[in-house]
Amino acid sequence: MRTRDKIIRLPTAYKAVETQKWRSFIFAILVLALSCRKPYEPKAIVEANSTPLLVVEGFINSGNDSTIIKLNRTVKLSGSTSVNPELGATVTIEGDDNSSRQLTTEPRGIYVSPGLNLDPSRNYRLKIRTSNGKEYASDFVPVLVAPAIDSLSYKVKSDGVDIDINTHDTKNATRYYRWDYSETWVFTSAFQSLYKSNGDTVLRRDLVNDQIYTCWQTENSSTIVLGSSAKLSQDVIADQPVTFVSRHSIKLQHKYSILVHQYALTEKAYDFWQNLKKNTEQLGGIFDAQPSQINGNIHCTSDPSEPVIGFISIGTATEKRIFVDQRNLPAWLENFNDGCIASPYLYEFKDTNSGAIVNQVDQYINYNKATLGPIIPIEGIQPPGAPKPLGYMGSSPACVDCTLRGTNKQPAFWQ
């Protein structure tokens, strides 16, 4: 064997020992590094958890539509409550012409006013006095009139439907836009119930006034949708994505509608919403936008060091609605009632183990006596020639009663 072969080729046992030593060394380093790590809580989060901050949500409508302002306090992530409304506050809208309009107090920290019809040449601000005497005020801001929405459309993709918007301002004066929306869809239960129980007796259901098969559900947007034409020569927004509806969503089971509201923003307001969007929606990796301080235009005038979350804009919004009919979509054949089954429930049933006669209708369908229910009756079991039903087919409320998820009253705008 040549000398260089002896130098290069190490015995197998020796290599195994050396490999094990390196593995042990690396493992020890990892354990040491991990044991030295301390949990880090950003200062802003600690402060928000120790002293609940005021959160102001809303848009002051300067025209005929209502103004709705929501006041809440921040809550701890580890707390048992998710909503902490600010109750008993006095909320007013003040103009730089010394005008003042007070909002009406509603439950759950909501403050409203009918159409304000504000002077578009003046600046206005929101002023708040809480029940403990603290005062807050927004900056005076101008009245901005949003341009009309040119079109709202949908595009069918392989995995769902894209909702897009187009708009423009011929005066090139808007440049900064925000949109929110309200979605409404019609859906049906897995089974249509022809009967109902009054607690003692199974009765025919009134399918006009008491149907629970077809319902409508409405949901407001929870994402921040922004657009800007500031870097363009013309104030035009083309094919701006608003939202996406998955083919697997029950929203597309029959018919879906979306109402989009368009707002004009100042550059400062746009920066606030953009920053808020980055902090709430785009975090997740080291290459994503990192958390940063969110500076709004609302301040605590009685304690300038106290942070306040929110940004108040004033103006008029424009809106547009479209419908998406499942008949105009691909035959995706989604199953929205997976897991729903209907079972027979007889008036008299002999238990094969005990020999006892069990009245299943009383036990399961007449839910005030239920032991394993409640069960909603769907249709009667009545063989030809039988003088009366032997029992009923039934299923769980989740599979039969659509009002558990929506309303059986058709919206006025529905087509």
Protein backbone atom coordinates (compact mmCIF):
# COMPACT_ATOMS: atom_id res chain seq x y z
CA MET A 1 0.00 0.00 0.00
CA ARG A 2 1.33 3.43 -0.89
CA THR A 3 2.09 6.05 1.78
CA ARG A 4 -0.47 8.59 0.57
CA ASP A 5 -3.15 5.90 0.73
CA LYS A 6 -2.32 5.38 4.41
CA ILE A 7 -2.66 9.10 5.04
CA ILE A 8 -5.98 9.58 3.23
CA ARG A 9 -7.84 6.37 4.04
CA LEU A 10 -8.72 6.34 7.74
CA PRO A 11 -9.99 3.16 9.38
CA THR A 12 -13.81 2.90 9.58
CA ALA A 13 -13.82 2.70 13.39
CA TYR A 14 -11.69 5.82 13.67
CA LYS A 15 -14.01 7.77 11.34
CA ALA A 16 -17.07 6.72 13.35
CA VAL A 17 -15.48 7.92 16.60
CA GLU A 18 -14.52 11.26 15.10
CA THR A 19 -18.04 11.74 13.63
CA GLN A 20 -19.62 11.01 17.00
CA LYS A 21 -17.32 13.53 18.70
CA TRP A 22 -18.34 16.25 16.24
CA ARG A 23 -22.03 15.45 16.70
CA SER A 24 -21.68 15.64 20.48
CA PHE A 25 -19.80 18.94 20.21
CA ILE A 26 -22.43 20.51 17.92
CA PHE A 27 -25.28 19.29 20.16
CA ALA A 28 -23.60 20.81 23.22
CA ILE A 29 -23.24 24.17 21.44
CA LEU A 30 -26.94 24.15 20.46
CA VAL A 31 -28.08 23.34 23.99
CA LEU A 32 -25.89 26.11 25.39
CA ALA A 33 -27.19 28.64 22.85
CA LEU A 34 -30.83 27.78 23.43
CA SER A 35 -30.46 27.84 27.21
CA CYS A 36 -29.16 31.42 27.02
CA ARG A 37 -32.15 32.71 25.06
CA LYS A 38 -34.61 34.91 26.94
CA PRO A 39 -38.16 35.69 25.86
CA TYR A 40 -38.44 39.18 24.42
CA GLU A 41 -41.50 41.34 24.67
CA PRO A 42 -41.45 44.60 22.68
CA LYS A 43 -41.93 47.64 24.88
CA ALA A 44 -45.08 48.72 23.05
CA ILE A 45 -46.72 45.33 23.69
CA VAL A 46 -45.86 45.41 27.40
CA GLU A 47 -47.29 48.91 27.72
CA ALA A 48 -50.47 47.96 25.86
CA ASN A 49 -50.97 44.95 28.08
CA SER A 50 -50.46 46.86 31.33
CA THR A 51 -52.55 49.93 30.41
CA PRO A 52 -55.34 49.39 27.86
CA LEU A 53 -55.06 51.88 25.03
CA LEU A 54 -57.97 53.62 23.35
CA VAL A 55 -58.72 52.32 19.85
CA VAL A 56 -60.81 54.59 17.60
CA GLU A 57 -62.41 53.12 14.47
CA GLY A 58 -64.63 54.89 12.00
CA PHE A 59 -65.06 57.32 9.15
CA ILE A 60 -66.84 60.67 9.41
CA ASN A 61 -69.26 60.84 6.51
CA SER A 62 -69.66 64.45 5.47
CA GLY A 63 -72.76 63.78 3.34
CA ASN A 64 -76.17 62.22 3.86
CA ASP A 65 -75.02 58.81 5.10
CA SER A 66 -74.63 57.92 8.76
CA THR A 67 -71.39 58.28 10.69
CA ILE A 68 -70.42 55.37 12.95
CA ILE A 69 -67.53 55.59 15.41
CA LYS A 70 -66.42 52.57 17.48
CA LEU A 71 -64.42 53.02 20.68
CA ASN A 72 -62.61 50.08 22.26
CA ARG A 73 -59.69 49.40 24.55
CA THR A 74 -56.84 47.03 23.78
CA VAL A 75 -56.97 43.67 25.55
CA LYS A 76 -54.26 41.27 26.65
CA LEU A 77 -53.51 38.42 24.30
CA SER A 78 -53.60 36.09 27.30
CA GLY A 79 -56.88 37.52 28.59
CA SER A 80 -60.28 35.87 28.53
CA THR A 81 -62.03 38.67 26.61
CA SER A 82 -61.50 39.72 23.00
CA VAL A 83 -63.56 42.94 23.04
CA ASN A 84 -63.33 45.78 25.54
CA PRO A 85 -65.72 48.57 24.47
CA GLU A 86 -65.34 52.12 25.77
CA LEU A 87 -68.75 52.90 27.25
CA GLY A 88 -70.30 56.18 28.39
CA ALA A 89 -68.09 58.49 26.34
CA THR A 90 -69.13 61.80 24.85
CA VAL A 91 -68.20 61.99 21.17
CA THR A 92 -68.49 65.17 19.10
CA ILE A 93 -67.44 66.41 15.68
CA GLU A 94 -65.97 69.92 15.75
CA GLY A 95 -65.33 72.23 12.80
CA ASP A 96 -62.68 74.92 12.46
CA ASP A 97 -65.64 77.31 12.27
CA ASN A 98 -66.42 76.43 15.95
CA SER A 99 -69.40 74.26 14.97
CA SER A 100 -70.08 71.14 17.04
CA ARG A 101 -72.25 68.05 16.56
CA GLN A 102 -72.63 65.37 19.23
CA LEU A 103 -73.02 61.68 18.34
CA THR A 104 -75.64 59.43 19.93
CA THR A 105 -74.49 56.66 22.25
CA GLU A 106 -75.33 53.10 21.22
CA PRO A 107 -74.52 49.80 22.99
CA ARG A 108 -71.10 48.11 22.75
CA GLY A 109 -69.04 51.29 22.47
CA ILE A 110 -70.70 52.52 19.25
CA TYR A 111 -71.46 56.20 18.63
CA VAL A 112 -73.56 57.29 15.65
CA SER A 113 -74.95 60.31 13.87
CA PRO A 114 -77.34 60.65 10.93
CA GLY A 115 -76.27 62.60 7.82
CA LEU A 116 -74.06 65.53 8.87
CA ASN A 117 -74.01 67.48 5.56
CA LEU A 118 -70.73 69.16 6.48
CA ASP A 119 -69.32 72.18 4.65
CA PRO A 120 -66.71 70.72 2.25
CA SER A 121 -64.62 73.90 2.48
CA ARG A 122 -64.00 73.51 6.24
CA ASN A 123 -61.77 71.19 8.28
CA TYR A 124 -63.14 69.00 11.05
CA ARG A 125 -61.95 66.82 13.91
CA LEU A 126 -63.29 64.17 16.29
CA LYS A 127 -63.31 64.93 20.01
CA ILE A 128 -63.82 62.32 22.75
CA ARG A 129 -64.36 62.65 26.47
CA THR A 130 -64.39 59.31 28.28
CA SER A 131 -66.41 58.48 31.38
CA ASN A 132 -63.29 58.90 33.56
CA GLY A 133 -62.78 62.46 32.34
CA LYS A 134 -59.92 61.94 29.89
CA GLU A 135 -60.05 63.90 26.65
CA TYR A 136 -58.91 62.90 23.17
CA ALA A 137 -58.97 64.73 19.85
CA SER A 138 -57.96 64.06 16.27
CA ASP A 139 -56.16 66.53 14.06
CA PHE A 140 -58.32 68.80 11.92
CA VAL A 141 -58.59 67.15 8.52
CA PRO A 142 -60.10 68.25 5.20
CA VAL A 143 -63.27 66.84 3.64
CA LEU A 144 -62.36 64.50 0.77
CA VAL A 145 -64.91 63.42 -1.84
CA ALA A 146 -64.21 59.97 -3.28
CA PRO A 147 -64.61 59.62 -7.06
CA ALA A 148 -67.15 57.19 -8.46
CA ILE A 149 -66.23 53.54 -8.94
CA ASP A 150 -65.89 52.85 -12.65
CA SER A 151 -66.44 49.10 -12.43
CA LEU A 152 -66.49 46.19 -10.03
CA SER A 153 -65.99 42.80 -11.66
CA TYR A 154 -64.98 39.22 -11.03
CA LYS A 155 -62.56 36.91 -12.79
CA VAL A 156 -62.92 33.13 -12.63
CA LYS A 157 -59.71 31.31 -11.73
CA SER A 158 -59.07 27.59 -11.42
CA ASP A 159 -59.29 27.80 -7.63
CA GLY A 160 -61.94 30.46 -7.15
CA VAL A 161 -63.03 33.98 -8.03
CA ASP A 162 -61.04 37.24 -7.97
CA ILE A 163 -62.93 40.48 -7.24
CA ASP A 164 -61.32 43.53 -8.90
CA ILE A 165 -62.12 47.24 -8.96
CA ASN A 166 -61.42 50.07 -11.41
CA THR A 167 -61.63 53.79 -10.69
CA HIS A 168 -60.12 57.14 -11.70
CA ASP A 169 -60.19 60.83 -10.84
CA THR A 170 -60.26 63.17 -13.85
CA LYS A 171 -58.96 66.01 -11.63
CA ASN A 172 -55.91 63.94 -10.57
CA ALA A 173 -56.70 65.02 -7.02
CA THR A 174 -57.33 61.78 -5.11
CA ARG A 175 -54.25 59.60 -5.64
CA TYR A 176 -54.70 57.62 -2.40
CA TYR A 177 -57.55 55.12 -1.97
CA ARG A 178 -58.92 52.67 0.57
CA TRP A 179 -61.67 50.09 0.15
CA ASP A 180 -63.72 47.95 2.49
CA TYR A 181 -66.57 45.65 1.65
CA SER A 182 -69.53 43.63 2.84
CA GLU A 183 -70.13 40.10 1.50
CA THR A 184 -73.54 38.42 1.45
CA TRP A 185 -74.30 34.93 0.20
CA VAL A 186 -77.26 32.58 0.10
CA PHE A 187 -76.82 28.99 1.24
CA THR A 188 -78.96 25.97 2.02
CA SER A 189 -78.93 23.33 4.74
CA ALA A 190 -78.11 19.71 4.01
CA PHE A 191 -81.76 18.73 4.49
CA GLN A 192 -85.08 20.55 4.19
CA SER A 193 -87.28 20.13 7.23
CA LEU A 194 -90.99 19.62 6.52
CA TYR A 195 -91.84 19.17 10.21
CA LYS A 196 -91.13 20.79 13.55
CA SER A 197 -91.59 19.88 17.20
CA ASN A 198 -93.34 22.08 19.72
CA GLY A 199 -91.79 20.10 22.55
CA ASP A 200 -94.56 17.50 22.83
CA THR A 201 -95.87 16.96 19.32
CA VAL A 202 -94.42 16.84 15.82
CA LEU A 203 -96.25 19.26 13.53
CA ARG A 204 -96.18 20.27 9.89
CA ARG A 205 -93.79 23.18 9.35
CA ASP A 206 -94.99 26.46 7.82
CA LEU A 207 -92.62 26.61 4.84
CA VAL A 208 -93.47 30.25 4.16
CA ASN A 209 -92.98 31.83 7.58
CA ASP A 210 -90.87 29.22 9.36
CA GLN A 211 -88.57 27.70 6.75
CA ILE A 212 -85.03 26.92 7.91
CA TYR A 213 -83.62 25.55 4.67
CA THR A 214 -82.53 28.73 2.79
CA CYS A 215 -80.62 31.51 4.54
CA TRP A 216 -78.41 34.52 3.87
CA GLN A 217 -75.22 35.35 5.71
CA THR A 218 -73.36 38.69 5.74
CA GLU A 219 -69.74 39.30 6.67
CA ASN A 220 -67.76 42.55 6.73
CA SER A 221 -64.18 42.74 5.50
CA SER A 222 -61.37 42.31 8.00
CA THR A 223 -58.44 43.07 5.67
CA ILE A 224 -56.99 46.42 4.64
CA VAL A 225 -57.22 47.12 0.90
CA LEU A 226 -55.25 50.11 -0.38
CA GLY A 227 -54.28 51.57 -3.74
CA SER A 228 -52.30 54.57 -4.94
CA SER A 229 -51.70 56.29 -8.26
CA ALA A 230 -49.17 58.75 -6.78
CA LYS A 231 -46.37 57.45 -9.02
CA LEU A 232 -48.48 57.55 -12.18
CA SER A 233 -49.05 60.48 -14.53
CA GLN A 234 -52.82 59.93 -14.37
CA ASP A 235 -54.97 59.26 -11.31
CA VAL A 236 -56.13 55.82 -12.46
CA ILE A 237 -56.53 52.58 -10.52
CA ALA A 238 -56.85 49.58 -12.84
CA ASP A 239 -57.76 46.00 -11.87
CA GLN A 240 -57.08 46.55 -8.19
CA PRO A 241 -57.65 43.24 -6.29
CA VAL A 242 -60.27 43.61 -3.56
CA THR A 243 -60.67 40.03 -2.36
CA PHE A 244 -60.56 36.40 -3.45
CA VAL A 245 -63.30 33.81 -2.88
CA SER A 246 -62.14 30.20 -2.87
CA ARG A 247 -64.04 27.59 -4.85
CA HIS A 248 -64.20 25.61 -1.60
CA SER A 249 -66.11 28.41 0.17
CA ILE A 250 -69.83 28.04 0.84
CA LYS A 251 -70.10 31.65 -0.35
CA LEU A 252 -70.19 30.28 -3.90
CA GLN A 253 -72.71 27.49 -3.21
CA HIS A 254 -75.58 29.35 -4.92
CA LYS A 255 -75.23 33.13 -5.25
CA TYR A 256 -72.75 35.61 -3.80
CA SER A 257 -72.83 39.41 -3.60
CA ILE A 258 -70.22 41.97 -2.59
CA LEU A 259 -70.75 45.66 -1.81
CA VAL A 260 -67.52 47.68 -2.00
CA HIS A 261 -67.05 51.13 -0.43
CA GLN A 262 -64.37 53.46 -1.80
CA TYR A 263 -62.69 56.19 0.28
CA ALA A 264 -60.30 58.99 -0.67
CA LEU A 265 -57.32 59.41 1.65
CA THR A 266 -54.71 62.03 2.38
CA GLU A 267 -51.11 60.92 2.00
CA LYS A 268 -50.75 60.81 5.80
CA ALA A 269 -53.85 58.64 6.13
CA TYR A 270 -52.55 56.32 3.41
CA ASP A 271 -49.24 55.94 5.24
CA PHE A 272 -51.10 55.08 8.45
CA TRP A 273 -53.18 52.36 6.79
CA GLN A 274 -50.18 51.02 4.91
CA ASN A 275 -48.22 50.77 8.14
CA LEU A 276 -51.14 49.11 9.90
CA LYS A 277 -51.47 46.62 7.05
CA LYS A 278 -47.80 45.68 7.29
CA ASN A 279 -48.03 45.19 11.04
CA THR A 280 -51.21 43.11 11.00
CA GLU A 281 -51.20 41.15 7.76
CA GLN A 282 -47.73 40.79 6.31
CA LEU A 283 -45.64 39.46 9.20
CA GLY A 284 -44.36 35.92 9.26
CA GLY A 285 -40.76 35.67 8.07
CA ILE A 286 -37.46 37.47 8.41
CA PHE A 287 -37.88 38.93 4.92
CA ASP A 288 -41.39 40.26 5.63
CA ALA A 289 -42.10 43.78 6.82
CA GLN A 290 -41.13 44.14 10.46
CA PRO A 291 -43.32 45.64 13.24
CA SER A 292 -43.14 49.40 13.56
CA GLN A 293 -44.84 52.12 15.53
CA ILE A 294 -48.31 53.02 14.20
CA ASN A 295 -48.79 56.79 14.43
CA GLY A 296 -52.36 57.94 13.89
CA ASN A 297 -53.89 61.41 14.01
CA ILE A 298 -55.69 61.00 17.36
CA HIS A 299 -54.08 62.20 20.58
CA CYS A 300 -54.82 62.25 24.29
CA THR A 301 -55.00 65.97 25.05
CA SER A 302 -55.16 65.43 28.82
CA ASP A 303 -52.05 63.20 28.77
CA PRO A 304 -49.93 63.72 25.63
CA SER A 305 -47.68 60.77 26.55
CA GLU A 306 -50.55 58.27 26.24
CA PRO A 307 -50.62 56.50 22.85
CA VAL A 308 -53.91 56.29 20.94
CA ILE A 309 -54.62 53.91 18.05
CA GLY A 310 -56.66 55.13 15.11
CA PHE A 311 -56.94 57.54 12.23
CA ILE A 312 -59.95 59.69 11.43
CA SER A 313 -60.75 60.70 7.85
CA ILE A 314 -63.68 62.82 6.68
CA GLY A 315 -65.48 62.82 3.37
CA THR A 316 -67.98 60.97 1.24
CA ALA A 317 -67.63 57.37 0.11
CA THR A 318 -68.82 55.82 -3.12
CA GLU A 319 -70.00 52.23 -3.48
CA LYS A 320 -70.86 49.54 -6.00
CA ARG A 321 -72.38 46.05 -5.75
CA ILE A 322 -72.11 42.99 -7.97
CA PHE A 323 -73.54 39.46 -7.88
CA VAL A 324 -71.80 36.19 -8.72
CA ASP A 325 -74.19 33.39 -9.68
CA GLN A 326 -72.98 29.81 -9.31
CA ARG A 327 -74.65 28.99 -12.64
CA ASN A 328 -72.05 31.18 -14.36
CA LEU A 329 -69.14 29.40 -12.69
CA PRO A 330 -67.43 26.10 -13.55
CA ALA A 331 -69.06 22.92 -12.24
CA TRP A 332 -66.71 22.62 -9.27
CA LEU A 333 -69.06 20.13 -7.50
CA GLU A 334 -68.03 21.09 -3.99
CA ASN A 335 -69.63 19.19 -1.10
CA PHE A 336 -70.69 21.76 1.52
CA ASN A 337 -72.66 19.25 3.63
CA ASP A 338 -69.94 16.73 4.38
CA GLY A 339 -70.70 14.68 7.48
CA CYS A 340 -74.47 15.32 7.52
CA ILE A 341 -76.65 12.23 7.66
CA ALA A 342 -80.35 11.61 8.20
CA SER A 343 -81.51 8.74 10.42
CA PRO A 344 -84.92 7.14 11.06
CA TYR A 345 -86.61 7.75 14.41
CA LEU A 346 -89.65 5.49 14.99
CA TYR A 347 -92.50 6.09 17.41
CA GLU A 348 -91.94 2.67 18.93
CA PHE A 349 -88.68 0.81 18.76
CA LYS A 350 -87.86 -2.44 20.55
CA ASP A 351 -84.44 -2.47 22.14
CA THR A 352 -82.78 -5.75 21.10
CA ASN A 353 -80.76 -5.91 24.32
CA SER A 354 -83.36 -5.12 26.98
CA GLY A 355 -86.55 -5.87 25.05
CA ALA A 356 -87.94 -2.49 26.21
CA ILE A 357 -90.12 -0.39 23.93
CA VAL A 358 -88.42 2.93 23.23
CA ASN A 359 -90.28 5.98 21.94
CA GLN A 360 -87.56 7.63 19.86
CA VAL A 361 -89.68 10.58 18.80
CA ASP A 362 -90.10 11.67 22.41
CA GLN A 363 -86.48 10.95 23.27
CA TYR A 364 -84.80 12.59 20.31
CA ILE A 365 -87.11 14.79 18.24
CA ASN A 366 -89.20 16.29 21.05
CA TYR A 367 -86.08 17.98 22.31
CA ASN A 368 -87.36 18.98 25.75
CA LYS A 369 -87.23 15.24 26.56
CA ALA A 370 -84.09 14.56 24.54
CA THR A 371 -81.40 12.26 25.86
CA LEU A 372 -79.16 12.32 22.79
CA GLY A 373 -80.72 15.21 20.88
CA PRO A 374 -82.06 17.50 19.86
CA ILE A 375 -82.94 16.11 16.45
CA ILE A 376 -84.97 18.10 13.91
CA PRO A 377 -87.56 16.05 11.97
CA ILE A 378 -87.14 16.20 8.20
CA GLU A 379 -89.90 14.04 6.70
CA GLY A 380 -92.37 11.41 7.88
CA ILE A 381 -91.91 7.64 7.63
CA GLN A 382 -95.32 6.42 6.45
CA PRO A 383 -95.47 3.27 4.28
CA PRO A 384 -98.33 3.01 1.74
CA GLY A 385 -101.56 2.09 3.48
CA ALA A 386 -100.31 3.00 6.96
CA PRO A 387 -102.89 5.13 8.84
CA LYS A 388 -100.26 7.42 10.33
CA PRO A 389 -96.49 7.98 10.24
CA LEU A 390 -94.41 5.34 11.99
CA GLY A 391 -91.85 7.99 12.83
CA TYR A 392 -89.64 10.57 11.16
CA MET A 393 -86.33 10.97 9.41
CA GLY A 394 -84.27 13.46 11.35
CA SER A 395 -80.84 15.05 11.60
CA SER A 396 -78.87 17.40 13.83
CA PRO A 397 -79.69 21.15 13.95
CA ALA A 398 -76.35 21.99 12.31
CA CYS A 399 -77.40 20.00 9.24
CA VAL A 400 -81.02 21.23 9.11
CA ASP A 401 -81.38 24.71 10.64
CA CYS A 402 -79.70 27.35 8.48
CA THR A 403 -80.65 30.12 10.93
CA LEU A 404 -77.84 28.92 13.19
CA ARG A 405 -75.46 30.55 10.69
CA GLY A 406 -77.56 33.24 9.03
CA THR A 407 -81.02 34.71 8.59
CA ASN A 408 -83.96 33.27 6.66
CA LYS A 409 -85.11 36.79 5.77
CA GLN A 410 -84.04 37.73 2.25
CA PRO A 411 -82.14 41.08 2.13
CA ALA A 412 -83.96 43.92 0.38
CA PHE A 413 -81.16 44.31 -2.20
CA TRP A 414 -81.11 40.64 -3.18
CA GLN A 415 -81.68 39.77 -6.83
